[in-house]
């Protein structure tokens, strides 16, 4: 009974933290600040991810020093620096995409993450997957394509291409996710890198990259100016980052105590309800075809989490 209670607490923690995270992400990236003619949108995406990485780094430091001590780490810095770069690009592209697409589109698009992870896992990570996994991933591909498809009449009238800039950013984000996954597989295979060490070092490198980027581009000054005019965004950004870090804590706790399968099922279910909440709370309209696509995508994700475990290649 104790184990069931703990699993319920972990599931609720993941749901609550990422539900709140999703609401704030859409509010920050797609909302307007100010009144009347002075209304403007928040566009400092690099700074948003920078703050998120700082909070994640501090969280990882505390966790490693207290409840999740993982010993020494001998992973090569080259792996951390390169995986941090791809991880960072994936996050930035994902957040930037919300300026052109709504939140349900972003969630469904990012649900295609198993596709590049699997492809690059085979090419770079030396993974071998069973046939059923390819079938489940094909379901995800079909669902994402069906959701993203733009009707010919709308694209002809508006002058939009089949894939807009927001969708292009999501594709780029997925490609970076795939590279990150492949590099992390190498790290685990060669150095048995632990999750805590991975999180702290990747966020540290991300902070260094972003720190240089926001100063070089002048975005840090734009951010300071925006905050001075709309100070209420500070609390939103801080709580957004804390929700992300706490969500990761519950994910690590679930994986360590119950394994990756229950965690995958919980996170997949959470994403579906996040899409539903976005439709209800923010009035994002989804066509019947897109609802069908959503069901297809999450069916593929659920089946993949249940039965799509990879098989290691024998040497």
Protein backbone atom coordinates (compact mmCIF):
# COMPACT_ATOMS: atom_id res chain seq x y z
CA UNK A 1 0.00 0.00 0.00
CA UNK A 2 2.90 2.34 0.77
CA UNK A 3 4.30 1.83 -2.73
CA UNK A 4 0.94 2.57 -4.34
CA UNK A 5 0.61 5.76 -2.26
CA UNK A 6 4.08 6.87 -3.31
CA UNK A 7 3.29 6.20 -6.99
CA UNK A 8 0.07 8.25 -6.70
CA UNK A 9 2.01 11.12 -5.08
CA UNK A 10 4.64 11.01 -7.85
CA UNK A 11 1.94 10.94 -10.55
CA UNK A 12 0.11 13.88 -8.97
CA UNK A 13 3.41 15.76 -8.64
CA UNK A 14 4.16 15.30 -12.36
CA UNK A 15 0.61 16.25 -13.35
CA UNK A 16 0.39 19.35 -11.16
CA UNK A 17 3.90 20.69 -11.86
CA UNK A 18 3.78 20.25 -15.63
CA UNK A 19 0.14 21.31 -15.88
CA UNK A 20 1.07 24.59 -14.20
CA UNK A 21 4.28 24.75 -16.28
CA UNK A 22 2.28 24.38 -19.51
CA UNK A 23 -0.24 27.07 -18.55
CA UNK A 24 2.56 29.53 -17.65
CA UNK A 25 4.54 28.68 -20.79
CA UNK A 26 1.58 29.55 -23.00
CA UNK A 27 0.78 32.65 -20.94
CA UNK A 28 4.35 33.97 -21.09
CA UNK A 29 5.09 33.19 -24.73
CA UNK A 30 1.69 33.89 -26.31
CA UNK A 31 0.14 36.43 -23.93
CA UNK A 32 0.24 40.22 -24.14
CA UNK A 33 1.50 42.63 -21.47
CA UNK A 34 0.38 46.18 -20.86
CA UNK A 35 -2.87 47.93 -21.69
CA UNK A 36 -4.41 49.60 -24.73
CA UNK A 37 -1.95 50.71 -27.40
CA UNK A 38 1.00 49.85 -25.14
CA UNK A 39 0.36 46.12 -25.32
CA UNK A 40 3.36 44.01 -26.31
CA UNK A 41 4.50 40.41 -26.35
CA UNK A 42 7.39 38.81 -24.50
CA UNK A 43 10.05 37.85 -27.06
CA UNK A 44 13.17 37.27 -24.90
CA UNK A 45 13.17 33.49 -25.36
CA UNK A 46 16.90 33.04 -24.73
CA UNK A 47 16.59 34.78 -21.37
CA UNK A 48 13.54 32.69 -20.48
CA UNK A 49 15.49 29.48 -21.07
CA UNK A 50 18.52 30.99 -19.26
CA UNK A 51 16.47 31.50 -16.07
CA UNK A 52 15.04 28.00 -16.43
CA UNK A 53 18.55 26.53 -16.70
CA UNK A 54 19.71 28.45 -13.60
CA UNK A 55 16.83 27.05 -11.53
CA UNK A 56 17.41 23.54 -12.93
CA UNK A 57 21.12 23.80 -12.08
CA UNK A 58 20.45 24.93 -8.50
CA UNK A 59 17.86 22.19 -8.10
CA UNK A 60 20.32 19.54 -9.34
CA UNK A 61 23.03 20.82 -6.95
CA UNK A 62 20.67 20.56 -3.97
CA UNK A 63 19.36 17.12 -4.96
CA UNK A 64 22.87 15.70 -5.56
CA UNK A 65 24.05 17.04 -2.20
CA UNK A 66 21.08 15.63 -0.25
CA UNK A 67 18.69 12.88 -1.42
CA UNK A 68 20.35 11.65 -4.64
CA UNK A 69 24.10 11.26 -4.00
CA UNK A 70 25.61 9.57 -7.06
CA UNK A 71 29.35 9.47 -6.40
CA UNK A 72 32.08 10.63 -8.76
CA UNK A 73 31.55 11.48 -12.41
CA UNK A 74 34.18 10.65 -15.05
CA UNK A 75 32.19 11.64 -18.16
CA UNK A 76 34.13 13.57 -20.81
CA UNK A 77 33.37 17.30 -20.88
CA UNK A 78 33.05 17.13 -24.67
CA UNK A 79 29.93 14.99 -24.25
CA UNK A 80 28.41 17.41 -21.77
CA UNK A 81 29.20 20.50 -23.84
CA UNK A 82 27.83 19.02 -27.08
CA UNK A 83 24.69 17.50 -25.51
CA UNK A 84 24.04 20.78 -23.67
CA UNK A 85 24.21 22.66 -26.97
CA UNK A 86 21.66 20.37 -28.68
CA UNK A 87 19.46 20.26 -25.54
CA UNK A 88 19.56 24.04 -25.40
CA UNK A 89 18.72 24.50 -29.08
CA UNK A 90 15.78 22.09 -28.67
CA UNK A 91 14.38 24.12 -25.75
CA UNK A 92 14.90 27.50 -27.42
CA UNK A 93 13.31 26.37 -30.71
CA UNK A 94 10.39 24.83 -28.83
CA UNK A 95 9.72 28.03 -26.87
CA UNK A 96 10.20 30.26 -29.92
CA UNK A 97 7.74 28.13 -31.93
CA UNK A 98 4.96 29.27 -29.58
CA UNK A 99 5.15 32.72 -31.14
CA UNK A 100 3.78 31.20 -34.39
CA UNK A 101 1.83 28.09 -33.32
CA UNK A 102 -0.57 27.46 -30.44
CA UNK A 103 0.29 25.30 -27.44
CA UNK A 104 -1.60 22.13 -28.54
CA UNK A 105 0.36 22.20 -31.82
CA UNK A 106 3.61 22.52 -29.90
CA UNK A 107 2.75 19.62 -27.57
CA UNK A 108 1.67 17.33 -30.42
CA UNK A 109 4.71 18.32 -32.49
CA UNK A 110 7.09 17.63 -29.60
CA UNK A 111 5.34 14.29 -29.01
CA UNK A 112 7.14 13.16 -32.16
CA UNK A 113 10.37 13.09 -30.11
CA UNK A 114 10.65 9.24 -30.28
CA UNK A 115 11.13 9.54 -34.07
CA UNK A 116 14.53 11.34 -34.18
CA UNK A 117 15.60 9.67 -30.92
CA UNK A 118 15.04 6.24 -32.49
CA UNK A 119 16.65 7.10 -35.84
CA UNK A 120 19.75 8.67 -34.30
CA UNK A 121 19.80 5.98 -31.61
CA UNK A 122 20.28 3.41 -34.39
CA UNK A 123 22.82 5.50 -36.33
CA UNK A 124 24.88 6.95 -33.47
CA UNK A 125 23.86 5.11 -30.30
CA UNK A 126 24.25 1.55 -31.70
CA UNK A 127 20.67 0.65 -30.70
CA UNK A 128 18.59 -2.19 -32.12
CA UNK A 129 14.79 -1.86 -31.96
CA UNK A 130 12.11 -4.53 -32.43
CA UNK A 131 9.70 -4.29 -35.38
CA UNK A 132 6.78 -3.32 -33.13
CA UNK A 133 8.60 -0.15 -32.06
CA UNK A 134 8.85 0.97 -35.70
CA UNK A 135 5.08 0.38 -36.03
CA UNK A 136 4.32 2.44 -32.91
CA UNK A 137 6.60 5.26 -34.09
CA UNK A 138 4.91 5.13 -37.50
CA UNK A 139 1.60 5.74 -35.70
CA UNK A 140 3.14 8.82 -34.08
CA UNK A 141 4.45 10.04 -37.48
CA UNK A 142 0.98 9.64 -39.05
CA UNK A 143 -0.70 11.41 -36.13
CA UNK A 144 1.73 14.35 -36.09
CA UNK A 145 1.51 14.74 -39.90
CA UNK A 146 -2.30 14.65 -39.73
CA UNK A 147 -2.33 17.27 -36.97
CA UNK A 148 0.17 19.59 -38.67
CA UNK A 149 -1.36 19.32 -42.15
CA UNK A 150 -2.73 22.63 -43.43
CA UNK A 151 -5.74 22.53 -45.74
CA UNK A 152 -4.94 23.66 -49.28
CA UNK A 153 -7.59 26.33 -49.33
CA UNK A 154 -6.32 28.03 -46.18
CA UNK A 155 -2.72 28.04 -47.30
CA UNK A 156 -3.67 29.37 -50.72
CA UNK A 157 -5.73 32.17 -49.25
CA UNK A 158 -3.24 33.20 -46.61
CA UNK A 159 -0.06 32.66 -48.60
CA UNK A 160 1.31 30.28 -45.97
CA UNK A 161 3.42 27.31 -47.02
CA UNK A 162 2.53 23.76 -46.03
CA UNK A 163 5.02 24.07 -43.15
CA UNK A 164 5.12 27.47 -41.46
CA UNK A 165 8.03 28.92 -39.49
CA UNK A 166 6.58 27.66 -36.19
CA UNK A 167 6.37 24.11 -37.54
CA UNK A 168 9.91 24.42 -38.92
CA UNK A 169 11.15 25.38 -35.43
CA UNK A 170 9.39 22.33 -33.98
CA UNK A 171 11.07 20.08 -36.56
CA UNK A 172 14.43 21.63 -35.70
CA UNK A 173 13.70 21.13 -31.99
CA UNK A 174 12.91 17.44 -32.64
CA UNK A 175 16.16 17.01 -34.58
CA UNK A 176 18.08 18.49 -31.63
CA UNK A 177 16.21 16.15 -29.24
CA UNK A 178 17.36 13.24 -31.37
CA UNK A 179 20.99 14.37 -31.25
CA UNK A 180 20.76 14.91 -27.50
CA UNK A 181 19.37 11.41 -27.00
CA UNK A 182 22.10 9.85 -29.16
CA UNK A 183 24.88 11.66 -27.28
CA UNK A 184 23.35 10.69 -23.93
CA UNK A 185 23.24 7.04 -25.04
CA UNK A 186 26.99 7.25 -25.73
CA UNK A 187 27.53 8.81 -22.29
CA UNK A 188 25.64 6.01 -20.57
CA UNK A 189 27.38 3.29 -22.59
CA UNK A 190 30.93 4.61 -22.17
CA UNK A 191 30.83 6.26 -18.74
CA UNK A 192 27.62 4.99 -17.06
CA UNK A 193 26.69 8.64 -16.55
CA UNK A 194 24.07 9.14 -13.83
CA UNK A 195 20.97 11.30 -14.29
CA UNK A 196 21.94 13.85 -11.61
CA UNK A 197 25.42 14.43 -13.05
CA UNK A 198 23.92 14.73 -16.52
CA UNK A 199 21.37 17.30 -15.38
CA UNK A 200 23.79 19.49 -13.44
CA UNK A 201 26.49 19.56 -16.15
CA UNK A 202 24.11 20.04 -19.07
CA UNK A 203 22.42 22.96 -17.32
CA UNK A 204 25.81 24.45 -16.39
CA UNK A 205 27.00 24.38 -20.01
CA UNK A 206 23.61 25.70 -21.16
CA UNK A 207 23.95 28.65 -18.76
CA UNK A 208 27.41 29.42 -20.18
CA UNK A 209 26.18 29.28 -23.80
CA UNK A 210 23.09 31.36 -23.04
CA UNK A 211 24.99 33.87 -20.92
CA UNK A 212 27.24 34.65 -23.89
CA UNK A 213 24.29 34.69 -26.32
CA UNK A 214 22.05 37.09 -24.37
CA UNK A 215 24.94 39.53 -23.85
CA UNK A 216 26.19 39.29 -27.45
CA UNK A 217 22.71 39.78 -28.93
CA UNK A 218 21.74 42.51 -26.46
CA UNK A 219 18.69 40.51 -25.38
CA UNK A 220 19.64 40.91 -21.71
CA UNK A 221 19.02 44.68 -22.04
CA UNK A 222 15.70 44.08 -23.81
CA UNK A 223 14.72 41.73 -20.97
CA UNK A 224 15.63 44.26 -18.26
CA UNK A 225 13.63 46.94 -20.08
CA UNK A 226 10.63 44.60 -20.47
CA UNK A 227 10.73 43.65 -16.78
CA UNK A 228 10.86 47.31 -15.73
CA UNK A 229 7.69 47.97 -17.74
CA UNK A 230 5.91 44.72 -16.78
CA UNK A 231 7.30 43.56 -13.38
CA UNK A 232 4.52 40.96 -12.96
CA UNK A 233 6.34 38.73 -15.47
CA UNK A 234 9.16 38.11 -12.95
CA UNK A 235 6.92 35.96 -10.74
CA UNK A 236 5.59 34.10 -13.79
CA UNK A 237 9.10 33.26 -15.04
CA UNK A 238 10.36 32.18 -11.60
CA UNK A 239 7.34 29.95 -10.88
CA UNK A 240 7.50 28.58 -14.44
CA UNK A 241 11.13 27.53 -13.84
CA UNK A 242 10.42 26.12 -10.36
CA UNK A 243 7.50 24.08 -11.73
CA UNK A 244 9.85 22.63 -14.38
CA UNK A 245 12.50 21.70 -11.78
CA UNK A 246 9.98 20.16 -9.36
CA UNK A 247 8.42 18.23 -12.23
CA UNK A 248 11.85 16.79 -13.04
CA UNK A 249 12.26 15.79 -9.39
CA UNK A 250 9.03 13.75 -9.48
CA UNK A 251 10.08 12.21 -12.81
CA UNK A 252 13.47 11.13 -11.39
CA UNK A 253 11.72 9.80 -8.27
CA UNK A 254 9.25 7.79 -10.38
CA UNK A 255 11.99 6.34 -12.60
CA UNK A 256 14.24 5.41 -9.66
CA UNK A 257 11.47 3.80 -7.56
CA UNK A 258 9.12 2.34 -10.19
CA UNK A 259 11.09 2.25 -13.46
CA UNK A 260 10.76 4.12 -16.78
CA UNK A 261 7.51 2.42 -17.88
CA UNK A 262 5.13 3.94 -15.25
CA UNK A 263 6.90 7.28 -15.75
CA UNK A 264 6.34 7.15 -19.54
CA UNK A 265 2.65 6.32 -19.08
CA UNK A 266 2.19 9.16 -16.57
CA UNK A 267 3.98 11.77 -18.73
CA UNK A 268 2.13 10.67 -21.88
CA UNK A 269 -1.24 10.94 -20.13
CA UNK A 270 -0.21 14.30 -18.68
CA UNK A 271 0.52 15.70 -22.15
CA UNK A 272 -2.93 14.73 -23.40
CA UNK A 273 -4.64 16.54 -20.53
CA UNK A 274 -2.35 19.55 -21.06
CA UNK A 275 -3.61 19.79 -24.65
CA UNK A 276 -7.20 19.53 -23.39
CA UNK A 277 -6.59 22.23 -20.76
CA UNK A 278 -5.04 24.55 -23.35
CA UNK A 279 -8.15 24.21 -25.53
CA UNK A 280 -10.49 24.91 -22.59
CA UNK A 281 -8.50 27.68 -20.85
CA UNK A 282 -7.04 29.59 -23.78
CA UNK A 283 -9.71 28.97 -26.43
CA UNK A 284 -7.33 27.25 -28.85
CA UNK A 285 -9.49 25.68 -31.54
CA UNK A 286 -8.77 22.15 -32.72
CA UNK A 287 -10.46 20.66 -35.79
CA UNK A 288 -12.10 17.19 -35.63
CA UNK A 289 -9.23 15.93 -37.83
CA UNK A 290 -6.74 17.26 -35.27
CA UNK A 291 -8.58 15.57 -32.39
CA UNK A 292 -8.31 12.28 -34.30
CA UNK A 293 -4.61 12.99 -34.87
CA UNK A 294 -4.17 13.69 -31.14
CA UNK A 295 -5.68 10.30 -30.27
CA UNK A 296 -3.44 8.57 -32.85
CA UNK A 297 -0.30 10.31 -31.50
CA UNK A 298 -0.99 9.46 -27.87
CA UNK A 299 -2.01 5.90 -28.76
CA UNK A 300 1.38 5.50 -30.46
CA UNK A 301 3.17 7.04 -27.47
CA UNK A 302 1.30 4.83 -25.01
CA UNK A 303 1.97 1.63 -26.97
CA UNK A 304 5.62 2.64 -27.41
CA UNK A 305 6.04 3.21 -23.66
CA UNK A 306 4.40 -0.18 -22.93
CA UNK A 307 5.94 -2.44 -25.58
CA UNK A 308 8.63 -0.54 -27.50
CA UNK A 309 11.67 -1.30 -25.34
CA UNK A 310 14.89 -1.40 -27.41
CA UNK A 311 17.12 -4.46 -27.61
CA UNK A 312 20.85 -3.96 -27.16
CA UNK A 313 23.06 -5.17 -29.98
CA UNK A 314 25.23 -8.16 -29.15
CA UNK A 315 28.90 -7.76 -29.86
